[in-house]
N, C-alpha and C. Protein backbone atom coordinates (compact mmCIF):
# COMPACT_ATOMS: atom_id res chain seq x y z
N MET A 1 -24.98 -34.63 -0.97
CA MET A 1 -24.70 -33.20 -0.96
C MET A 1 -25.47 -32.55 0.19
N ASN A 2 -24.78 -31.72 0.99
CA ASN A 2 -25.46 -31.12 2.13
C ASN A 2 -26.06 -29.75 1.78
N PHE A 3 -26.76 -29.16 2.73
CA PHE A 3 -27.51 -27.93 2.49
C PHE A 3 -26.62 -26.77 2.04
N LEU A 4 -25.41 -26.67 2.59
CA LEU A 4 -24.54 -25.56 2.23
C LEU A 4 -23.96 -25.76 0.83
N GLU A 5 -23.60 -26.98 0.50
CA GLU A 5 -23.11 -27.25 -0.86
C GLU A 5 -24.19 -26.94 -1.89
N GLU A 6 -25.42 -27.32 -1.60
CA GLU A 6 -26.53 -27.03 -2.52
C GLU A 6 -26.73 -25.52 -2.68
N LYS A 7 -26.61 -24.79 -1.57
CA LYS A 7 -26.77 -23.33 -1.62
C LYS A 7 -25.65 -22.69 -2.43
N ILE A 8 -24.43 -23.17 -2.27
CA ILE A 8 -23.30 -22.64 -3.04
C ILE A 8 -23.51 -22.86 -4.53
N LEU A 9 -23.94 -24.07 -4.90
CA LEU A 9 -24.18 -24.35 -6.32
C LEU A 9 -25.31 -23.51 -6.88
N MET A 10 -26.32 -23.23 -6.07
CA MET A 10 -27.47 -22.49 -6.53
C MET A 10 -27.20 -20.99 -6.63
N ASP A 11 -26.51 -20.42 -5.63
CA ASP A 11 -26.39 -18.97 -5.54
C ASP A 11 -24.96 -18.45 -5.63
N GLY A 12 -23.97 -19.34 -5.63
CA GLY A 12 -22.58 -18.90 -5.68
C GLY A 12 -22.12 -18.59 -7.09
N THR A 13 -21.06 -17.77 -7.18
CA THR A 13 -20.45 -17.42 -8.46
C THR A 13 -18.94 -17.56 -8.34
N ILE A 14 -18.31 -18.13 -9.36
CA ILE A 14 -16.85 -18.25 -9.38
C ILE A 14 -16.27 -17.10 -10.19
N LYS A 15 -15.35 -16.39 -9.57
CA LYS A 15 -14.67 -15.28 -10.23
C LYS A 15 -13.28 -15.71 -10.66
N GLN A 16 -12.71 -15.00 -11.63
CA GLN A 16 -11.34 -15.30 -12.07
C GLN A 16 -10.40 -15.26 -10.88
N GLY A 17 -9.43 -16.18 -10.89
CA GLY A 17 -8.50 -16.26 -9.78
C GLY A 17 -8.95 -17.23 -8.70
N ASN A 18 -9.90 -18.11 -9.05
CA ASN A 18 -10.42 -19.09 -8.10
C ASN A 18 -11.02 -18.45 -6.86
N LEU A 19 -11.80 -17.41 -7.07
CA LEU A 19 -12.50 -16.74 -5.98
C LEU A 19 -13.97 -17.16 -5.99
N LEU A 20 -14.43 -17.66 -4.87
CA LEU A 20 -15.81 -18.07 -4.74
C LEU A 20 -16.60 -16.94 -4.10
N LYS A 21 -17.56 -16.42 -4.84
CA LYS A 21 -18.35 -15.28 -4.35
C LYS A 21 -19.69 -15.79 -3.86
N ILE A 22 -19.87 -15.75 -2.55
CA ILE A 22 -21.15 -16.17 -1.96
C ILE A 22 -21.62 -15.12 -0.95
N ASP A 23 -21.26 -13.87 -1.24
CA ASP A 23 -21.63 -12.81 -0.30
C ASP A 23 -23.10 -12.44 -0.36
N ASN A 24 -23.84 -13.05 -1.31
CA ASN A 24 -25.28 -12.79 -1.36
C ASN A 24 -26.05 -13.56 -0.30
N PHE A 25 -25.37 -14.50 0.40
CA PHE A 25 -26.08 -15.19 1.47
C PHE A 25 -25.24 -15.45 2.72
N LEU A 26 -23.90 -15.21 2.65
CA LEU A 26 -23.07 -15.60 3.79
C LEU A 26 -22.37 -14.44 4.49
N ASN A 27 -21.77 -13.52 3.73
CA ASN A 27 -20.94 -12.53 4.41
C ASN A 27 -21.09 -11.09 3.93
N HIS A 28 -22.19 -10.79 3.27
CA HIS A 28 -22.52 -9.39 2.97
C HIS A 28 -24.03 -9.24 3.20
N GLN A 29 -24.80 -9.91 2.39
CA GLN A 29 -26.20 -10.17 2.72
C GLN A 29 -26.25 -11.55 3.36
N ILE A 30 -27.01 -11.68 4.43
CA ILE A 30 -27.03 -12.93 5.18
C ILE A 30 -28.40 -13.60 5.07
N ASP A 31 -28.37 -14.84 4.62
CA ASP A 31 -29.57 -15.68 4.60
C ASP A 31 -29.70 -16.32 5.98
N ILE A 32 -30.65 -15.85 6.77
CA ILE A 32 -30.77 -16.29 8.15
C ILE A 32 -31.04 -17.78 8.26
N ASN A 33 -31.80 -18.33 7.33
CA ASN A 33 -32.09 -19.76 7.38
C ASN A 33 -30.81 -20.57 7.19
N ILE A 34 -29.99 -20.20 6.20
CA ILE A 34 -28.72 -20.90 5.97
C ILE A 34 -27.78 -20.70 7.16
N MET A 35 -27.72 -19.47 7.67
CA MET A 35 -26.85 -19.19 8.81
C MET A 35 -27.26 -20.01 10.03
N ARG A 36 -28.57 -20.16 10.23
CA ARG A 36 -29.05 -20.97 11.34
C ARG A 36 -28.64 -22.43 11.17
N GLN A 37 -28.74 -22.93 9.93
CA GLN A 37 -28.34 -24.33 9.68
C GLN A 37 -26.84 -24.51 9.88
N ILE A 38 -26.04 -23.54 9.46
CA ILE A 38 -24.59 -23.61 9.67
C ILE A 38 -24.28 -23.66 11.16
N ALA A 39 -24.90 -22.77 11.93
CA ALA A 39 -24.66 -22.73 13.37
C ALA A 39 -25.09 -24.03 14.04
N ASN A 40 -26.24 -24.55 13.65
CA ASN A 40 -26.72 -25.82 14.23
C ASN A 40 -25.78 -26.97 13.90
N GLU A 41 -25.27 -26.98 12.67
CA GLU A 41 -24.37 -28.06 12.28
C GLU A 41 -23.05 -27.98 13.04
N ILE A 42 -22.51 -26.78 13.22
CA ILE A 42 -21.28 -26.62 14.00
C ILE A 42 -21.52 -27.06 15.44
N LYS A 43 -22.64 -26.64 16.01
CA LYS A 43 -22.96 -27.05 17.39
C LYS A 43 -23.07 -28.57 17.47
N HIS A 44 -23.71 -29.19 16.49
CA HIS A 44 -23.85 -30.65 16.48
C HIS A 44 -22.49 -31.35 16.42
N ARG A 45 -21.60 -30.83 15.59
CA ARG A 45 -20.30 -31.48 15.41
C ARG A 45 -19.39 -31.34 16.63
N PHE A 46 -19.64 -30.32 17.43
CA PHE A 46 -18.80 -30.10 18.62
C PHE A 46 -19.59 -30.34 19.92
N GLN A 47 -20.64 -31.10 19.83
CA GLN A 47 -21.47 -31.33 21.02
C GLN A 47 -20.76 -32.16 22.08
N ASP A 48 -19.69 -32.85 21.70
CA ASP A 48 -18.99 -33.72 22.65
C ASP A 48 -17.82 -33.05 23.34
N VAL A 49 -17.58 -31.75 23.06
CA VAL A 49 -16.47 -31.06 23.70
C VAL A 49 -16.99 -29.88 24.52
N GLU A 50 -16.21 -29.48 25.50
CA GLU A 50 -16.60 -28.35 26.34
C GLU A 50 -16.24 -27.04 25.63
N VAL A 51 -17.20 -26.14 25.58
CA VAL A 51 -16.99 -24.82 24.98
C VAL A 51 -17.61 -23.78 25.92
N ASN A 52 -16.79 -22.82 26.35
CA ASN A 52 -17.37 -21.73 27.14
C ASN A 52 -17.06 -20.36 26.55
N LYS A 53 -16.50 -20.37 25.33
CA LYS A 53 -16.28 -19.11 24.62
C LYS A 53 -16.10 -19.41 23.13
N VAL A 54 -16.69 -18.57 22.30
CA VAL A 54 -16.54 -18.67 20.84
C VAL A 54 -15.69 -17.50 20.38
N LEU A 55 -14.68 -17.79 19.56
CA LEU A 55 -13.75 -16.78 19.08
C LEU A 55 -13.77 -16.73 17.56
N THR A 56 -13.81 -15.52 17.00
CA THR A 56 -13.72 -15.34 15.56
C THR A 56 -12.88 -14.11 15.28
N ILE A 57 -12.83 -13.72 14.01
CA ILE A 57 -12.06 -12.56 13.59
C ILE A 57 -13.00 -11.65 12.81
N GLU A 58 -12.88 -10.35 13.01
CA GLU A 58 -13.78 -9.46 12.28
C GLU A 58 -13.44 -9.47 10.79
N ALA A 59 -14.41 -9.30 9.89
CA ALA A 59 -15.77 -8.97 10.28
C ALA A 59 -16.75 -10.09 9.92
N SER A 60 -16.49 -10.80 8.83
CA SER A 60 -17.53 -11.70 8.31
C SER A 60 -17.74 -12.96 9.14
N GLY A 61 -16.86 -13.25 10.07
CA GLY A 61 -17.08 -14.40 10.93
C GLY A 61 -18.02 -14.13 12.09
N ILE A 62 -18.31 -12.85 12.32
CA ILE A 62 -19.08 -12.47 13.52
C ILE A 62 -20.49 -13.03 13.48
N ALA A 63 -21.13 -12.98 12.31
CA ALA A 63 -22.52 -13.45 12.24
C ALA A 63 -22.63 -14.93 12.60
N ILE A 64 -21.76 -15.76 12.04
CA ILE A 64 -21.78 -17.19 12.35
C ILE A 64 -21.45 -17.41 13.81
N ALA A 65 -20.41 -16.73 14.28
CA ALA A 65 -19.98 -16.90 15.67
C ALA A 65 -21.09 -16.53 16.65
N THR A 66 -21.83 -15.48 16.34
CA THR A 66 -22.92 -15.04 17.22
C THR A 66 -23.99 -16.12 17.34
N MET A 67 -24.35 -16.72 16.22
CA MET A 67 -25.39 -17.75 16.25
C MET A 67 -24.88 -19.03 16.92
N VAL A 68 -23.60 -19.36 16.71
CA VAL A 68 -23.02 -20.52 17.39
C VAL A 68 -22.95 -20.26 18.89
N GLY A 69 -22.50 -19.07 19.26
CA GLY A 69 -22.44 -18.72 20.68
C GLY A 69 -23.80 -18.77 21.34
N CYS A 70 -24.83 -18.38 20.61
CA CYS A 70 -26.20 -18.44 21.12
C CYS A 70 -26.60 -19.88 21.42
N LEU A 71 -26.25 -20.80 20.53
CA LEU A 71 -26.59 -22.21 20.73
C LEU A 71 -25.83 -22.82 21.92
N PHE A 72 -24.57 -22.42 22.08
CA PHE A 72 -23.79 -22.91 23.22
C PHE A 72 -24.11 -22.13 24.49
N ASP A 73 -24.77 -20.97 24.31
CA ASP A 73 -25.09 -20.07 25.42
C ASP A 73 -23.81 -19.59 26.12
N VAL A 74 -22.86 -19.13 25.30
CA VAL A 74 -21.57 -18.64 25.82
C VAL A 74 -21.23 -17.31 25.16
N PRO A 75 -20.30 -16.55 25.74
CA PRO A 75 -19.90 -15.27 25.13
C PRO A 75 -19.16 -15.48 23.81
N ILE A 76 -19.25 -14.47 22.95
CA ILE A 76 -18.52 -14.44 21.68
C ILE A 76 -17.49 -13.33 21.76
N VAL A 77 -16.26 -13.66 21.36
CA VAL A 77 -15.19 -12.67 21.30
C VAL A 77 -14.72 -12.60 19.86
N PHE A 78 -14.52 -11.38 19.32
CA PHE A 78 -13.93 -11.30 17.99
C PHE A 78 -12.63 -10.51 18.04
N ALA A 79 -11.62 -11.08 17.39
CA ALA A 79 -10.32 -10.41 17.28
C ALA A 79 -10.47 -9.23 16.34
N LYS A 80 -10.00 -8.07 16.78
CA LYS A 80 -10.06 -6.88 15.96
C LYS A 80 -8.82 -6.79 15.08
N LYS A 81 -8.99 -6.13 13.93
CA LYS A 81 -7.89 -5.97 12.98
C LYS A 81 -7.34 -4.55 13.04
N GLY A 82 -6.05 -4.44 12.75
CA GLY A 82 -5.42 -3.13 12.67
C GLY A 82 -4.37 -3.13 11.59
N GLU A 83 -3.92 -1.97 11.18
CA GLU A 83 -2.91 -1.85 10.12
C GLU A 83 -1.53 -2.24 10.62
N SER A 84 -1.22 -1.89 11.87
CA SER A 84 0.11 -2.17 12.39
C SER A 84 0.02 -2.50 13.87
N ALA A 85 1.01 -3.24 14.35
CA ALA A 85 1.01 -3.65 15.75
C ALA A 85 1.42 -2.50 16.65
N ILE A 86 0.62 -2.28 17.69
CA ILE A 86 0.96 -1.31 18.71
C ILE A 86 1.18 -2.10 19.99
N VAL A 87 2.41 -2.11 20.48
CA VAL A 87 2.74 -2.93 21.63
C VAL A 87 1.92 -2.48 22.83
N SER A 88 1.24 -3.42 23.43
CA SER A 88 0.39 -3.11 24.57
C SER A 88 0.34 -4.31 25.50
N GLU A 89 0.42 -4.08 26.79
CA GLU A 89 0.43 -5.16 27.76
C GLU A 89 -0.96 -5.72 28.03
N ASP A 90 -2.00 -5.02 27.55
CA ASP A 90 -3.35 -5.47 27.87
C ASP A 90 -4.01 -6.20 26.71
N LYS A 91 -3.22 -6.63 25.72
CA LYS A 91 -3.76 -7.31 24.55
C LYS A 91 -2.95 -8.55 24.21
N TYR A 92 -3.65 -9.54 23.65
CA TYR A 92 -2.98 -10.65 22.97
C TYR A 92 -2.95 -10.28 21.50
N GLU A 93 -1.76 -10.39 20.87
CA GLU A 93 -1.59 -9.88 19.51
C GLU A 93 -1.00 -10.95 18.60
N SER A 94 -1.41 -10.92 17.32
CA SER A 94 -0.84 -11.82 16.34
C SER A 94 -0.97 -11.19 14.96
N LEU A 95 -0.41 -11.85 13.96
CA LEU A 95 -0.47 -11.36 12.58
C LEU A 95 -1.12 -12.41 11.69
N ALA A 96 -1.92 -11.95 10.74
CA ALA A 96 -2.61 -12.87 9.83
C ALA A 96 -2.61 -12.28 8.42
N TYR A 97 -2.16 -13.08 7.45
CA TYR A 97 -2.23 -12.65 6.06
C TYR A 97 -3.61 -12.94 5.50
N SER A 98 -4.24 -11.93 4.89
CA SER A 98 -5.56 -12.10 4.29
C SER A 98 -5.43 -12.50 2.84
N PHE A 99 -5.89 -13.73 2.51
CA PHE A 99 -5.86 -14.19 1.12
C PHE A 99 -6.78 -13.33 0.26
N THR A 100 -7.92 -12.94 0.81
CA THR A 100 -8.90 -12.16 0.06
C THR A 100 -8.40 -10.76 -0.26
N HIS A 101 -7.82 -10.09 0.76
CA HIS A 101 -7.42 -8.69 0.59
C HIS A 101 -5.93 -8.52 0.29
N LYS A 102 -5.19 -9.64 0.26
CA LYS A 102 -3.77 -9.63 -0.10
C LYS A 102 -2.96 -8.66 0.77
N LYS A 103 -3.18 -8.75 2.09
CA LYS A 103 -2.40 -7.92 3.00
C LYS A 103 -2.31 -8.59 4.36
N ILE A 104 -1.32 -8.16 5.14
CA ILE A 104 -1.13 -8.68 6.48
C ILE A 104 -1.92 -7.83 7.46
N ASN A 105 -2.72 -8.48 8.28
CA ASN A 105 -3.50 -7.81 9.31
C ASN A 105 -2.91 -8.09 10.68
N TYR A 106 -2.79 -7.04 11.48
CA TYR A 106 -2.48 -7.18 12.89
C TYR A 106 -3.81 -7.42 13.60
N VAL A 107 -3.89 -8.48 14.37
CA VAL A 107 -5.14 -8.80 15.06
C VAL A 107 -4.89 -8.89 16.56
N PHE A 108 -5.89 -8.52 17.33
CA PHE A 108 -5.70 -8.54 18.79
C PHE A 108 -7.01 -8.80 19.51
N VAL A 109 -6.86 -9.32 20.72
CA VAL A 109 -7.97 -9.52 21.65
C VAL A 109 -7.54 -8.93 22.98
N SER A 110 -8.38 -8.11 23.59
CA SER A 110 -8.07 -7.57 24.91
C SER A 110 -8.03 -8.69 25.94
N LYS A 111 -7.05 -8.65 26.81
CA LYS A 111 -6.82 -9.75 27.76
C LYS A 111 -8.00 -10.08 28.67
N PRO A 112 -8.79 -9.11 29.10
CA PRO A 112 -9.92 -9.48 29.98
C PRO A 112 -10.94 -10.41 29.33
N TYR A 113 -10.95 -10.49 27.99
CA TYR A 113 -11.97 -11.26 27.30
C TYR A 113 -11.55 -12.68 26.96
N LEU A 114 -10.32 -13.05 27.31
CA LEU A 114 -9.84 -14.41 27.06
C LEU A 114 -8.96 -14.82 28.24
N GLN A 115 -9.39 -15.87 28.92
CA GLN A 115 -8.72 -16.28 30.15
C GLN A 115 -8.17 -17.70 30.03
N ALA A 116 -7.26 -18.04 30.93
CA ALA A 116 -6.66 -19.36 30.92
C ALA A 116 -7.68 -20.46 31.19
N THR A 117 -8.80 -20.11 31.80
CA THR A 117 -9.84 -21.11 32.11
C THR A 117 -10.79 -21.35 30.94
N ASP A 118 -10.63 -20.62 29.85
CA ASP A 118 -11.57 -20.72 28.73
C ASP A 118 -11.31 -21.95 27.87
N LYS A 119 -12.41 -22.53 27.39
CA LYS A 119 -12.39 -23.62 26.40
C LYS A 119 -12.96 -23.01 25.12
N VAL A 120 -12.10 -22.77 24.14
CA VAL A 120 -12.42 -21.88 23.03
C VAL A 120 -12.73 -22.65 21.74
N LEU A 121 -13.86 -22.32 21.14
CA LEU A 121 -14.19 -22.81 19.80
C LEU A 121 -14.02 -21.66 18.83
N ILE A 122 -13.11 -21.82 17.88
CA ILE A 122 -12.90 -20.81 16.83
C ILE A 122 -13.89 -21.07 15.70
N VAL A 123 -14.52 -20.02 15.21
CA VAL A 123 -15.52 -20.13 14.14
C VAL A 123 -15.23 -19.08 13.08
N ASP A 124 -15.35 -19.46 11.80
CA ASP A 124 -15.16 -18.49 10.72
C ASP A 124 -15.95 -18.93 9.49
N ASP A 125 -16.11 -17.98 8.56
CA ASP A 125 -16.88 -18.29 7.36
C ASP A 125 -16.06 -19.04 6.33
N PHE A 126 -14.80 -18.64 6.11
CA PHE A 126 -13.94 -19.26 5.10
C PHE A 126 -12.63 -19.74 5.71
N LEU A 127 -12.08 -20.80 5.14
CA LEU A 127 -10.73 -21.26 5.43
C LEU A 127 -10.01 -21.45 4.11
N ALA A 128 -8.92 -20.70 3.92
CA ALA A 128 -8.13 -20.81 2.69
C ALA A 128 -6.70 -21.23 3.06
N ASP A 129 -5.81 -20.26 3.24
CA ASP A 129 -4.43 -20.57 3.63
C ASP A 129 -4.31 -20.84 5.13
N GLY A 130 -5.34 -20.54 5.87
CA GLY A 130 -5.33 -20.84 7.30
C GLY A 130 -4.69 -19.79 8.18
N GLN A 131 -4.33 -18.65 7.60
CA GLN A 131 -3.60 -17.65 8.37
C GLN A 131 -4.44 -17.03 9.49
N ALA A 132 -5.71 -16.78 9.21
CA ALA A 132 -6.57 -16.22 10.25
C ALA A 132 -6.73 -17.22 11.40
N SER A 133 -6.94 -18.48 11.07
CA SER A 133 -7.08 -19.51 12.10
C SER A 133 -5.81 -19.65 12.92
N LEU A 134 -4.66 -19.62 12.26
CA LEU A 134 -3.38 -19.74 12.97
C LEU A 134 -3.16 -18.56 13.91
N ALA A 135 -3.56 -17.37 13.47
CA ALA A 135 -3.43 -16.18 14.33
C ALA A 135 -4.32 -16.32 15.56
N LEU A 136 -5.55 -16.83 15.36
CA LEU A 136 -6.46 -16.99 16.49
C LEU A 136 -5.96 -18.10 17.44
N ILE A 137 -5.42 -19.17 16.88
CA ILE A 137 -4.83 -20.22 17.72
C ILE A 137 -3.69 -19.65 18.55
N ASP A 138 -2.86 -18.82 17.93
CA ASP A 138 -1.75 -18.17 18.63
C ASP A 138 -2.28 -17.35 19.81
N ILE A 139 -3.36 -16.61 19.59
CA ILE A 139 -3.95 -15.79 20.65
C ILE A 139 -4.51 -16.66 21.77
N VAL A 140 -5.16 -17.77 21.40
CA VAL A 140 -5.66 -18.71 22.42
C VAL A 140 -4.51 -19.23 23.27
N HIS A 141 -3.41 -19.60 22.63
CA HIS A 141 -2.25 -20.13 23.35
C HIS A 141 -1.62 -19.06 24.24
N GLN A 142 -1.55 -17.81 23.73
CA GLN A 142 -1.01 -16.73 24.55
C GLN A 142 -1.80 -16.55 25.84
N ALA A 143 -3.12 -16.74 25.74
CA ALA A 143 -3.99 -16.60 26.91
C ALA A 143 -3.89 -17.79 27.86
N GLY A 144 -3.25 -18.87 27.40
CA GLY A 144 -3.19 -20.09 28.20
C GLY A 144 -4.50 -20.85 28.20
N ALA A 145 -5.39 -20.50 27.25
CA ALA A 145 -6.69 -21.15 27.15
C ALA A 145 -6.57 -22.47 26.37
N GLN A 146 -7.65 -23.23 26.36
CA GLN A 146 -7.68 -24.51 25.65
C GLN A 146 -8.48 -24.37 24.37
N LEU A 147 -7.93 -24.87 23.27
CA LEU A 147 -8.63 -24.86 21.99
C LEU A 147 -9.52 -26.08 21.88
N SER A 148 -10.83 -25.86 21.80
CA SER A 148 -11.77 -26.98 21.67
C SER A 148 -11.89 -27.45 20.23
N GLY A 149 -11.61 -26.57 19.26
CA GLY A 149 -11.69 -26.93 17.86
C GLY A 149 -11.96 -25.72 17.00
N ILE A 150 -12.09 -25.97 15.71
CA ILE A 150 -12.37 -24.91 14.74
C ILE A 150 -13.52 -25.34 13.85
N GLY A 151 -14.55 -24.49 13.77
CA GLY A 151 -15.70 -24.75 12.91
C GLY A 151 -15.73 -23.75 11.76
N ILE A 152 -15.78 -24.27 10.54
CA ILE A 152 -15.70 -23.44 9.33
C ILE A 152 -16.93 -23.70 8.45
N ALA A 153 -17.45 -22.65 7.85
CA ALA A 153 -18.55 -22.84 6.90
C ALA A 153 -18.02 -23.43 5.60
N VAL A 154 -17.07 -22.73 4.94
CA VAL A 154 -16.56 -23.17 3.63
C VAL A 154 -15.04 -23.24 3.66
N GLU A 155 -14.51 -24.41 3.36
CA GLU A 155 -13.07 -24.61 3.26
C GLU A 155 -12.67 -24.76 1.80
N LYS A 156 -11.63 -24.06 1.39
CA LYS A 156 -11.05 -24.24 0.06
C LYS A 156 -10.03 -25.37 0.14
N GLY A 157 -10.49 -26.55 -0.22
CA GLY A 157 -9.70 -27.75 0.01
C GLY A 157 -8.40 -27.85 -0.75
N TRP A 158 -8.28 -27.12 -1.87
CA TRP A 158 -7.05 -27.18 -2.65
C TRP A 158 -5.97 -26.27 -2.08
N GLN A 159 -6.32 -25.42 -1.12
CA GLN A 159 -5.33 -24.57 -0.48
C GLN A 159 -4.83 -25.24 0.80
N LYS A 160 -3.78 -24.72 1.37
CA LYS A 160 -3.03 -25.45 2.39
C LYS A 160 -3.59 -25.35 3.81
N GLY A 161 -4.51 -24.44 4.05
CA GLY A 161 -4.96 -24.18 5.41
C GLY A 161 -5.48 -25.40 6.15
N GLY A 162 -6.38 -26.15 5.51
CA GLY A 162 -6.95 -27.33 6.16
C GLY A 162 -5.91 -28.37 6.51
N ASN A 163 -4.98 -28.62 5.58
CA ASN A 163 -3.93 -29.60 5.84
C ASN A 163 -3.03 -29.17 6.98
N ILE A 164 -2.68 -27.88 7.01
CA ILE A 164 -1.81 -27.37 8.08
C ILE A 164 -2.46 -27.60 9.44
N LEU A 165 -3.73 -27.24 9.55
CA LEU A 165 -4.41 -27.35 10.83
C LEU A 165 -4.58 -28.81 11.25
N ARG A 166 -4.95 -29.67 10.31
CA ARG A 166 -5.14 -31.08 10.64
C ARG A 166 -3.81 -31.73 11.02
N GLU A 167 -2.73 -31.36 10.34
CA GLU A 167 -1.42 -31.91 10.69
C GLU A 167 -0.95 -31.45 12.06
N MET A 168 -1.44 -30.30 12.49
CA MET A 168 -1.14 -29.80 13.84
C MET A 168 -1.92 -30.54 14.91
N GLY A 169 -2.88 -31.36 14.49
CA GLY A 169 -3.72 -32.08 15.43
C GLY A 169 -4.94 -31.30 15.88
N VAL A 170 -5.23 -30.21 15.18
CA VAL A 170 -6.41 -29.41 15.51
C VAL A 170 -7.66 -30.12 15.02
N ARG A 171 -8.67 -30.13 15.85
CA ARG A 171 -9.97 -30.66 15.42
C ARG A 171 -10.65 -29.62 14.54
N LEU A 172 -10.75 -29.92 13.26
CA LEU A 172 -11.30 -28.99 12.27
C LEU A 172 -12.53 -29.60 11.63
N GLU A 173 -13.64 -28.85 11.67
CA GLU A 173 -14.88 -29.29 11.05
C GLU A 173 -15.33 -28.24 10.06
N SER A 174 -15.30 -28.59 8.77
CA SER A 174 -15.75 -27.69 7.71
C SER A 174 -17.01 -28.27 7.08
N ILE A 175 -18.06 -27.46 6.99
CA ILE A 175 -19.33 -27.98 6.51
C ILE A 175 -19.28 -28.26 5.01
N ALA A 176 -18.70 -27.34 4.24
CA ALA A 176 -18.51 -27.56 2.80
C ALA A 176 -17.03 -27.41 2.48
N ILE A 177 -16.47 -28.42 1.84
CA ILE A 177 -15.06 -28.36 1.43
C ILE A 177 -15.03 -28.40 -0.10
N VAL A 178 -14.61 -27.29 -0.70
CA VAL A 178 -14.53 -27.19 -2.15
C VAL A 178 -13.19 -27.76 -2.59
N GLU A 179 -13.23 -28.82 -3.38
CA GLU A 179 -12.00 -29.45 -3.86
C GLU A 179 -11.43 -28.72 -5.07
N GLU A 180 -12.31 -28.33 -5.99
CA GLU A 180 -11.84 -27.60 -7.16
C GLU A 180 -13.00 -26.82 -7.78
N MET A 181 -12.62 -25.73 -8.48
CA MET A 181 -13.60 -24.89 -9.16
C MET A 181 -13.09 -24.57 -10.55
N ASP A 182 -13.99 -24.28 -11.45
CA ASP A 182 -13.63 -23.90 -12.81
C ASP A 182 -14.41 -22.65 -13.20
N TRP A 183 -13.68 -21.56 -13.40
CA TRP A 183 -14.32 -20.29 -13.70
C TRP A 183 -15.06 -20.33 -15.04
N GLU A 184 -14.48 -20.95 -16.04
CA GLU A 184 -15.08 -20.96 -17.38
C GLU A 184 -16.39 -21.74 -17.41
N THR A 185 -16.43 -22.87 -16.71
CA THR A 185 -17.65 -23.69 -16.73
C THR A 185 -18.54 -23.41 -15.52
N GLN A 186 -18.04 -22.60 -14.57
CA GLN A 186 -18.77 -22.31 -13.33
C GLN A 186 -19.15 -23.60 -12.60
N SER A 187 -18.21 -24.55 -12.62
CA SER A 187 -18.46 -25.83 -11.96
C SER A 187 -17.66 -25.93 -10.66
N ILE A 188 -18.21 -26.66 -9.70
CA ILE A 188 -17.60 -26.83 -8.39
C ILE A 188 -17.67 -28.31 -8.02
N ARG A 189 -16.56 -28.84 -7.49
CA ARG A 189 -16.56 -30.20 -6.98
C ARG A 189 -16.25 -30.15 -5.48
N PHE A 190 -17.08 -30.81 -4.69
CA PHE A 190 -16.93 -30.82 -3.24
C PHE A 190 -16.29 -32.13 -2.77
N ARG A 191 -15.62 -32.07 -1.65
CA ARG A 191 -15.09 -33.27 -1.02
C ARG A 191 -16.23 -34.04 -0.37
N ASN A 192 -16.22 -35.35 -0.51
CA ASN A 192 -17.24 -36.17 0.13
C ASN A 192 -17.08 -36.12 1.65
N GLN A 193 -18.19 -35.90 2.33
CA GLN A 193 -18.18 -35.80 3.79
C GLN A 193 -19.42 -36.51 4.34
N PRO A 194 -19.41 -36.80 5.65
CA PRO A 194 -20.63 -37.35 6.27
C PRO A 194 -21.79 -36.37 6.11
N LYS A 195 -22.97 -36.91 5.99
CA LYS A 195 -24.14 -36.05 5.81
C LYS A 195 -24.37 -35.18 7.04
N CYS A 196 -24.85 -33.97 6.79
CA CYS A 196 -25.22 -33.07 7.88
C CYS A 196 -26.53 -33.52 8.49
N LYS A 197 -26.69 -33.18 9.76
CA LYS A 197 -27.97 -33.42 10.40
C LYS A 197 -28.98 -32.45 9.81
N LEU A 198 -30.22 -32.90 9.65
CA LEU A 198 -31.26 -32.06 9.07
C LEU A 198 -31.89 -31.18 10.14
N TYR A 199 -32.03 -29.89 9.80
CA TYR A 199 -32.63 -28.95 10.74
C TYR A 199 -33.85 -28.32 10.09
N ARG A 200 -34.79 -27.98 10.90
CA ARG A 200 -36.02 -27.38 10.42
C ARG A 200 -35.78 -25.96 9.94
N SER A 201 -36.32 -25.60 8.79
CA SER A 201 -36.18 -24.24 8.27
C SER A 201 -36.98 -23.28 9.13
N CYS A 202 -36.60 -21.96 9.03
CA CYS A 202 -37.33 -20.96 9.81
C CYS A 202 -38.61 -20.58 9.07
């Protein structure tokens, strides 16, 4: 069991509807030590590929992306969300359905911040149906940039997002993959994965 799985078991809560609530350390209140370990692990897993830009989607992916970008020493770009698409020649635009908020988000990145010469690592806190990742991949392709891979903190393994991305041939690295959860027993089963590299606490 790796550091993130242990933290989820210790501080996470399962809500009705198979919702994993870990906002006390990941995406509302942030545990800097855990965030640092997540960023270090993502950097370690993608150390063999070229990355000159980190891309995420607002808002909860920004913290992880910032720390990953710091380790790679590259700029971080985050796709902004909007209620509806406004056609504009200076933006790359896509649509993403939010599993958490049950709505479709229009997302965009201004063209000056993503170029055809970029080698892009997408980073996010959660992967469920994969819609946010697919929207960001679409934006990367629109820019003519190269996708270096996708780094995720927590993947919901029983949902389709991970399978879709892997079947597309995308290099996907998820630190914790939840295979199943039970609200009544508050139990979680994780997918077996290679052990994470150990990092020194702050």
